[in-house]
Amino acid sequence: MNASENIDKVQASLTGWQREMYSRLRELIGNAHPDLDEDWKWDTAVWTNNGNVVALGVFKEHLKLNFFKGALIEDPHGLFNAGLDAKTSRSIDICEGDKLDERALVHLVRLAAEAKPPRKKFDQTAKDRLSK
């Protein structure tokens, strides 16, 4: 089974609000950035662009969007509500009845798709070794 078929299978297994929200999130993420690819990793839907960008997980009481480089991007609309202490990732937990600011989410996905990790700075010792 390819990635899209696996994601279709998960989506079909859901009921009620989770099926509707999962479907909508998949659509929004898939259309947010032209370079995003739908993938299947760790039994989860993952969108990639030269690395992992965002995953959509299903839990008993909520859906979770995990932005792998979320700490590197601005969240002007305050969508991140979970994993705020993680070094690099940030998450959005979505529960039944939650209202989703779709425009803000699409903006966040675009930022995440374009995020690049900061370049590591050489310390002086490393520079000294390189110059020898």
N, C-alpha and C. Protein backbone atom coordinates (compact mmCIF):
# COMPACT_ATOMS: atom_id res chain seq x y z
N MET A 1 0.85 -1.19 0.00
CA MET A 1 0.00 0.00 0.00
C MET A 1 0.89 1.25 0.00
N ASN A 2 0.53 2.23 -0.82
CA ASN A 2 1.32 3.47 -0.83
C ASN A 2 0.82 4.42 0.27
N ALA A 3 1.50 5.54 0.42
CA ALA A 3 1.19 6.48 1.50
C ALA A 3 -0.26 6.95 1.44
N SER A 4 -0.72 7.38 0.28
CA SER A 4 -2.09 7.89 0.17
C SER A 4 -3.12 6.83 0.50
N GLU A 5 -2.86 5.59 0.11
CA GLU A 5 -3.79 4.49 0.43
C GLU A 5 -3.84 4.24 1.93
N ASN A 6 -2.68 4.30 2.59
CA ASN A 6 -2.66 4.13 4.05
C ASN A 6 -3.43 5.25 4.74
N ILE A 7 -3.26 6.46 4.27
CA ILE A 7 -3.95 7.61 4.86
C ILE A 7 -5.45 7.50 4.59
N ASP A 8 -5.81 7.07 3.38
CA ASP A 8 -7.23 6.83 3.06
C ASP A 8 -7.84 5.82 4.03
N LYS A 9 -7.07 4.77 4.32
CA LYS A 9 -7.55 3.71 5.22
C LYS A 9 -7.80 4.25 6.63
N VAL A 10 -6.88 5.05 7.13
CA VAL A 10 -7.07 5.65 8.46
C VAL A 10 -8.29 6.55 8.44
N GLN A 11 -8.39 7.39 7.44
CA GLN A 11 -9.51 8.32 7.33
C GLN A 11 -10.85 7.57 7.31
N ALA A 12 -10.91 6.49 6.56
CA ALA A 12 -12.14 5.70 6.45
C ALA A 12 -12.50 5.01 7.77
N SER A 13 -11.49 4.74 8.59
CA SER A 13 -11.75 4.06 9.86
C SER A 13 -12.31 4.99 10.93
N LEU A 14 -12.19 6.29 10.71
CA LEU A 14 -12.65 7.27 11.70
C LEU A 14 -14.15 7.49 11.58
N THR A 15 -14.74 8.03 12.63
CA THR A 15 -16.16 8.35 12.61
C THR A 15 -16.38 9.79 13.08
N GLY A 16 -17.55 10.30 12.77
CA GLY A 16 -17.99 11.59 13.29
C GLY A 16 -17.04 12.73 13.03
N TRP A 17 -16.87 13.55 14.07
CA TRP A 17 -16.08 14.77 13.95
C TRP A 17 -14.63 14.47 13.56
N GLN A 18 -14.07 13.34 14.05
CA GLN A 18 -12.68 13.04 13.72
C GLN A 18 -12.50 12.77 12.23
N ARG A 19 -13.44 12.06 11.61
CA ARG A 19 -13.34 11.80 10.18
C ARG A 19 -13.44 13.12 9.40
N GLU A 20 -14.39 13.94 9.76
CA GLU A 20 -14.57 15.21 9.07
C GLU A 20 -13.34 16.11 9.22
N MET A 21 -12.84 16.22 10.44
CA MET A 21 -11.69 17.09 10.70
C MET A 21 -10.42 16.54 10.05
N TYR A 22 -10.21 15.23 10.12
CA TYR A 22 -9.04 14.61 9.50
C TYR A 22 -9.04 14.88 8.00
N SER A 23 -10.19 14.70 7.39
CA SER A 23 -10.33 14.94 5.96
C SER A 23 -10.03 16.40 5.61
N ARG A 24 -10.57 17.31 6.41
CA ARG A 24 -10.35 18.74 6.15
C ARG A 24 -8.89 19.13 6.35
N LEU A 25 -8.27 18.62 7.42
CA LEU A 25 -6.87 18.92 7.68
C LEU A 25 -5.98 18.39 6.56
N ARG A 26 -6.28 17.19 6.11
CA ARG A 26 -5.51 16.59 5.01
C ARG A 26 -5.60 17.46 3.76
N GLU A 27 -6.78 17.94 3.48
CA GLU A 27 -6.99 18.80 2.32
C GLU A 27 -6.23 20.12 2.46
N LEU A 28 -6.36 20.75 3.64
CA LEU A 28 -5.69 22.04 3.86
C LEU A 28 -4.17 21.91 3.77
N ILE A 29 -3.63 20.88 4.41
CA ILE A 29 -2.18 20.68 4.40
C ILE A 29 -1.71 20.38 2.98
N GLY A 30 -2.41 19.48 2.31
CA GLY A 30 -2.01 19.09 0.97
C GLY A 30 -2.00 20.23 -0.03
N ASN A 31 -2.88 21.22 0.20
CA ASN A 31 -2.97 22.36 -0.71
C ASN A 31 -2.19 23.58 -0.25
N ALA A 32 -1.58 23.51 0.93
CA ALA A 32 -0.94 24.69 1.51
C ALA A 32 0.34 25.10 0.80
N HIS A 33 1.09 24.13 0.31
CA HIS A 33 2.39 24.43 -0.28
C HIS A 33 2.64 23.46 -1.44
N PRO A 34 3.05 23.96 -2.60
CA PRO A 34 3.19 23.10 -3.78
C PRO A 34 4.28 22.03 -3.66
N ASP A 35 5.24 22.22 -2.78
CA ASP A 35 6.34 21.26 -2.66
C ASP A 35 6.12 20.19 -1.60
N LEU A 36 4.99 20.22 -0.91
CA LEU A 36 4.73 19.21 0.12
C LEU A 36 4.35 17.88 -0.51
N ASP A 37 4.91 16.82 0.01
CA ASP A 37 4.58 15.46 -0.43
C ASP A 37 3.90 14.72 0.72
N GLU A 38 2.86 14.00 0.39
CA GLU A 38 2.16 13.18 1.38
C GLU A 38 2.94 11.88 1.55
N ASP A 39 3.19 11.52 2.79
CA ASP A 39 4.00 10.33 3.08
C ASP A 39 3.36 9.55 4.22
N TRP A 40 3.91 8.39 4.52
CA TRP A 40 3.40 7.53 5.59
C TRP A 40 4.59 7.04 6.40
N LYS A 41 4.69 7.52 7.63
CA LYS A 41 5.80 7.13 8.52
C LYS A 41 5.24 6.88 9.91
N TRP A 42 5.78 5.90 10.59
CA TRP A 42 5.39 5.60 11.97
C TRP A 42 3.87 5.37 12.08
N ASP A 43 3.27 4.76 11.04
CA ASP A 43 1.83 4.53 10.98
C ASP A 43 1.04 5.84 11.10
N THR A 44 1.58 6.90 10.53
CA THR A 44 0.98 8.24 10.63
C THR A 44 1.15 8.98 9.30
N ALA A 45 0.17 9.82 8.99
CA ALA A 45 0.28 10.69 7.82
C ALA A 45 1.33 11.76 8.11
N VAL A 46 2.26 11.92 7.18
CA VAL A 46 3.33 12.91 7.33
C VAL A 46 3.50 13.62 5.99
N TRP A 47 3.64 14.94 6.04
CA TRP A 47 3.92 15.72 4.84
C TRP A 47 5.36 16.17 4.92
N THR A 48 6.06 16.04 3.80
CA THR A 48 7.49 16.31 3.77
C THR A 48 7.84 17.31 2.67
N ASN A 49 8.97 17.96 2.87
CA ASN A 49 9.57 18.85 1.87
C ASN A 49 11.04 18.95 2.24
N ASN A 50 11.87 18.08 1.66
CA ASN A 50 13.27 18.00 2.07
C ASN A 50 13.37 17.78 3.57
N GLY A 51 12.60 16.87 4.08
CA GLY A 51 12.53 16.56 5.51
C GLY A 51 11.08 16.60 5.98
N ASN A 52 10.88 16.13 7.18
CA ASN A 52 9.53 16.08 7.74
C ASN A 52 9.04 17.49 8.07
N VAL A 53 7.79 17.79 7.69
CA VAL A 53 7.21 19.10 7.95
C VAL A 53 6.13 19.01 9.02
N VAL A 54 5.10 18.22 8.76
CA VAL A 54 3.98 18.12 9.70
C VAL A 54 3.39 16.71 9.63
N ALA A 55 2.97 16.20 10.79
CA ALA A 55 2.32 14.90 10.88
C ALA A 55 0.91 15.10 11.43
N LEU A 56 0.00 14.22 11.02
CA LEU A 56 -1.38 14.25 11.50
C LEU A 56 -1.66 12.93 12.19
N GLY A 57 -1.77 12.98 13.51
CA GLY A 57 -2.01 11.78 14.30
C GLY A 57 -3.41 11.72 14.86
N VAL A 58 -3.87 10.50 15.08
CA VAL A 58 -5.21 10.25 15.62
C VAL A 58 -5.07 9.67 17.02
N PHE A 59 -5.76 10.28 17.96
CA PHE A 59 -5.79 9.81 19.34
C PHE A 59 -7.24 9.65 19.76
N LYS A 60 -7.46 9.00 20.87
CA LYS A 60 -8.82 8.69 21.31
C LYS A 60 -9.71 9.92 21.40
N GLU A 61 -9.20 10.98 22.01
CA GLU A 61 -10.02 12.18 22.26
C GLU A 61 -9.68 13.37 21.38
N HIS A 62 -8.62 13.25 20.55
CA HIS A 62 -8.22 14.40 19.75
C HIS A 62 -7.42 13.99 18.52
N LEU A 63 -7.20 14.94 17.65
CA LEU A 63 -6.26 14.82 16.54
C LEU A 63 -5.08 15.71 16.87
N LYS A 64 -3.92 15.34 16.39
CA LYS A 64 -2.71 16.12 16.69
C LYS A 64 -1.97 16.43 15.40
N LEU A 65 -1.69 17.71 15.21
CA LEU A 65 -0.79 18.16 14.16
C LEU A 65 0.55 18.43 14.81
N ASN A 66 1.57 17.70 14.41
CA ASN A 66 2.90 17.90 14.96
C ASN A 66 3.78 18.55 13.89
N PHE A 67 4.24 19.74 14.18
CA PHE A 67 5.14 20.47 13.29
C PHE A 67 6.57 20.18 13.74
N PHE A 68 7.29 19.45 12.93
CA PHE A 68 8.62 18.98 13.31
C PHE A 68 9.60 20.11 13.61
N LYS A 69 9.48 21.23 12.91
CA LYS A 69 10.37 22.39 13.14
C LYS A 69 9.56 23.57 13.66
N GLY A 70 8.53 23.29 14.40
CA GLY A 70 7.62 24.33 14.88
C GLY A 70 8.28 25.41 15.71
N ALA A 71 9.33 25.07 16.45
CA ALA A 71 10.02 26.06 17.28
C ALA A 71 10.77 27.09 16.44
N LEU A 72 10.96 26.79 15.16
CA LEU A 72 11.71 27.69 14.29
C LEU A 72 10.82 28.70 13.57
N ILE A 73 9.51 28.55 13.70
CA ILE A 73 8.61 29.43 12.95
C ILE A 73 7.75 30.27 13.88
N GLU A 74 7.33 31.40 13.37
CA GLU A 74 6.44 32.29 14.11
C GLU A 74 5.03 31.72 14.10
N ASP A 75 4.33 31.89 15.19
CA ASP A 75 2.93 31.46 15.30
C ASP A 75 2.11 32.68 15.74
N PRO A 76 1.91 33.64 14.84
CA PRO A 76 1.26 34.89 15.23
C PRO A 76 -0.20 34.73 15.67
N HIS A 77 -0.83 33.62 15.28
CA HIS A 77 -2.23 33.41 15.65
C HIS A 77 -2.38 32.51 16.88
N GLY A 78 -1.27 32.07 17.44
CA GLY A 78 -1.31 31.25 18.65
C GLY A 78 -1.97 29.90 18.47
N LEU A 79 -1.72 29.24 17.35
CA LEU A 79 -2.33 27.94 17.10
C LEU A 79 -1.67 26.82 17.90
N PHE A 80 -0.36 26.93 18.13
CA PHE A 80 0.33 25.88 18.88
C PHE A 80 -0.21 25.85 20.31
N ASN A 81 -0.67 24.67 20.73
CA ASN A 81 -1.22 24.54 22.08
C ASN A 81 -0.70 23.31 22.81
N ALA A 82 0.30 22.64 22.24
CA ALA A 82 0.87 21.46 22.88
C ALA A 82 2.35 21.36 22.50
N GLY A 83 3.10 20.66 23.32
CA GLY A 83 4.52 20.48 23.05
C GLY A 83 5.31 21.77 23.05
N LEU A 84 4.85 22.74 23.82
CA LEU A 84 5.47 24.07 23.80
C LEU A 84 6.87 24.11 24.43
N ASP A 85 7.21 23.08 25.18
CA ASP A 85 8.53 23.03 25.81
C ASP A 85 9.53 22.19 25.02
N ALA A 86 9.10 21.60 23.92
CA ALA A 86 10.00 20.77 23.12
C ALA A 86 11.06 21.65 22.45
N LYS A 87 12.23 21.08 22.20
CA LYS A 87 13.33 21.85 21.61
C LYS A 87 13.02 22.32 20.19
N THR A 88 12.47 21.45 19.36
CA THR A 88 12.28 21.83 17.96
C THR A 88 10.84 21.76 17.48
N SER A 89 10.06 20.84 18.00
CA SER A 89 8.70 20.67 17.48
C SER A 89 7.67 21.46 18.29
N ARG A 90 6.52 21.65 17.67
CA ARG A 90 5.36 22.24 18.33
C ARG A 90 4.13 21.52 17.78
N SER A 91 3.06 21.48 18.56
CA SER A 91 1.88 20.74 18.15
C SER A 91 0.61 21.55 18.32
N ILE A 92 -0.41 21.08 17.62
CA ILE A 92 -1.76 21.60 17.78
C ILE A 92 -2.66 20.41 18.06
N ASP A 93 -3.25 20.37 19.25
CA ASP A 93 -4.23 19.34 19.58
C ASP A 93 -5.60 19.88 19.24
N ILE A 94 -6.38 19.10 18.52
CA ILE A 94 -7.71 19.51 18.09
C ILE A 94 -8.71 18.53 18.67
N CYS A 95 -9.64 19.05 19.46
CA CYS A 95 -10.67 18.24 20.10
C CYS A 95 -12.04 18.52 19.48
N GLU A 96 -12.97 17.65 19.78
CA GLU A 96 -14.32 17.83 19.27
C GLU A 96 -14.86 19.20 19.67
N GLY A 97 -15.43 19.90 18.71
CA GLY A 97 -16.01 21.21 18.97
C GLY A 97 -15.06 22.37 18.80
N ASP A 98 -13.75 22.09 18.68
CA ASP A 98 -12.78 23.17 18.47
C ASP A 98 -13.01 23.83 17.11
N LYS A 99 -12.89 25.14 17.10
CA LYS A 99 -12.96 25.89 15.85
C LYS A 99 -11.55 26.03 15.30
N LEU A 100 -11.41 25.82 14.02
CA LEU A 100 -10.10 25.86 13.39
C LEU A 100 -10.00 27.10 12.51
N ASP A 101 -8.99 27.91 12.75
CA ASP A 101 -8.71 29.05 11.89
C ASP A 101 -7.94 28.52 10.69
N GLU A 102 -8.67 28.16 9.64
CA GLU A 102 -8.07 27.50 8.48
C GLU A 102 -7.02 28.36 7.80
N ARG A 103 -7.29 29.62 7.68
CA ARG A 103 -6.35 30.53 7.02
C ARG A 103 -5.02 30.59 7.79
N ALA A 104 -5.12 30.69 9.11
CA ALA A 104 -3.92 30.73 9.95
C ALA A 104 -3.17 29.40 9.87
N LEU A 105 -3.90 28.30 9.83
CA LEU A 105 -3.26 26.99 9.73
C LEU A 105 -2.51 26.84 8.41
N VAL A 106 -3.12 27.23 7.32
CA VAL A 106 -2.45 27.15 6.02
C VAL A 106 -1.18 28.01 6.03
N HIS A 107 -1.25 29.19 6.62
CA HIS A 107 -0.07 30.05 6.73
C HIS A 107 1.04 29.35 7.53
N LEU A 108 0.66 28.72 8.62
CA LEU A 108 1.63 28.02 9.47
C LEU A 108 2.27 26.85 8.72
N VAL A 109 1.48 26.10 7.96
CA VAL A 109 2.01 24.99 7.17
C VAL A 109 2.99 25.52 6.13
N ARG A 110 2.67 26.63 5.49
CA ARG A 110 3.58 27.22 4.50
C ARG A 110 4.91 27.61 5.14
N LEU A 111 4.83 28.25 6.30
CA LEU A 111 6.05 28.63 7.01
C LEU A 111 6.87 27.40 7.37
N ALA A 112 6.19 26.37 7.85
CA ALA A 112 6.88 25.15 8.25
C ALA A 112 7.53 24.45 7.06
N ALA A 113 6.86 24.48 5.91
CA ALA A 113 7.41 23.84 4.71
C ALA A 113 8.67 24.54 4.23
N GLU A 114 8.80 25.80 4.54
CA GLU A 114 9.95 26.59 4.10
C GLU A 114 11.01 26.76 5.19
N ALA A 115 10.73 26.28 6.39
CA ALA A 115 11.66 26.47 7.52
C ALA A 115 12.94 25.68 7.30
N LYS A 116 14.02 26.32 7.58
CA LYS A 116 15.33 25.68 7.52
C LYS A 116 15.96 25.79 8.90
N PRO A 117 16.59 24.71 9.36
CA PRO A 117 17.24 24.79 10.67
C PRO A 117 18.36 25.82 10.64
N PRO A 118 18.60 26.49 11.76
CA PRO A 118 19.68 27.48 11.78
C PRO A 118 21.03 26.80 11.58
N ARG A 119 21.91 27.50 10.92
CA ARG A 119 23.25 26.95 10.71
C ARG A 119 24.00 26.95 12.02
N LYS A 120 24.72 25.87 12.23
CA LYS A 120 25.52 25.77 13.45
C LYS A 120 26.72 26.69 13.32
N LYS A 121 27.01 27.40 14.39
CA LYS A 121 28.16 28.28 14.41
C LYS A 121 29.37 27.50 14.91
N PHE A 122 30.47 27.72 14.25
CA PHE A 122 31.71 27.11 14.72
C PHE A 122 32.18 27.86 15.96
N ASP A 123 32.62 27.12 16.93
CA ASP A 123 33.24 27.80 18.07
C ASP A 123 34.69 28.14 17.69
N GLN A 124 35.34 28.96 18.47
CA GLN A 124 36.69 29.42 18.15
C GLN A 124 37.65 28.25 18.06
N THR A 125 37.50 27.23 18.90
CA THR A 125 38.38 26.08 18.89
C THR A 125 38.30 25.36 17.54
N ALA A 126 37.09 25.20 17.04
CA ALA A 126 36.92 24.54 15.74
C ALA A 126 37.55 25.38 14.62
N LYS A 127 37.41 26.67 14.68
CA LYS A 127 38.01 27.55 13.68
C LYS A 127 39.54 27.43 13.72
N ASP A 128 40.09 27.38 14.94
CA ASP A 128 41.54 27.26 15.09
C ASP A 128 42.05 25.94 14.49
N ARG A 129 41.30 24.85 14.70
CA ARG A 129 41.71 23.57 14.16
C ARG A 129 41.65 23.56 12.63
N LEU A 130 40.67 24.24 12.07
CA LEU A 130 40.53 24.30 10.62
C LEU A 130 41.64 25.12 9.97
N SER A 131 42.14 26.12 10.67
CA SER A 131 43.16 27.00 10.10
C SER A 131 44.55 26.40 10.13
N LYS A 132 44.74 25.31 10.83
CA LYS A 132 46.07 24.70 10.95
C LYS A 132 46.40 23.84 9.76
